[in-house]
Amino acid sequence: MAAALAVFVHHADLSAQDSSYDVFNPISKYLATGDAEKLSAWFSDNLEVTIFANSNDSSRNQAKQIMKSFFRSYTPRSFEITHRAGRSNKKYALGTLNAGGEMFVVTIFVNYTDTDYKIQHLKIERMN
């Protein structure tokens, strides 16, 4: 009985540890600093990038170029996650990006693939 309980507690600890990892922490940092190069490391091989209702199905490299262009036009000052949700293998976050003197709502969808979370869709809209 004690051994079974120990295995259960150990498993619960592992589950808690896994669920406490926040994939959005590094992604947030790169959005806040406008680092398209490091941000692109989190991109899926193919992803959707939507900026101002302009949606593109892109390769990782194309998405990196889109984000570089966006950051050139709108230099980020800060980024803050305002909402997180999802299940273990699919998550999304909403955040506020202060860039180029404007405020934007950013939506980030990630999926767990093979060994890590990857961005499947990154959406940036002007805040109304």
Foldseek 3Di string as FASTA:
>chain_A
DVVVVVVVVVVVVVVVVLVVDDPVVVLQVCLQQLPLPVNLVQADQWAWEAEANDIDTDGSVVVSVVSNVVCVQWPWNHKDWDDKDDDSFKIKTWMWTHTNNFIWIWIWIWGDDDHGIHTRYIHIHGDD
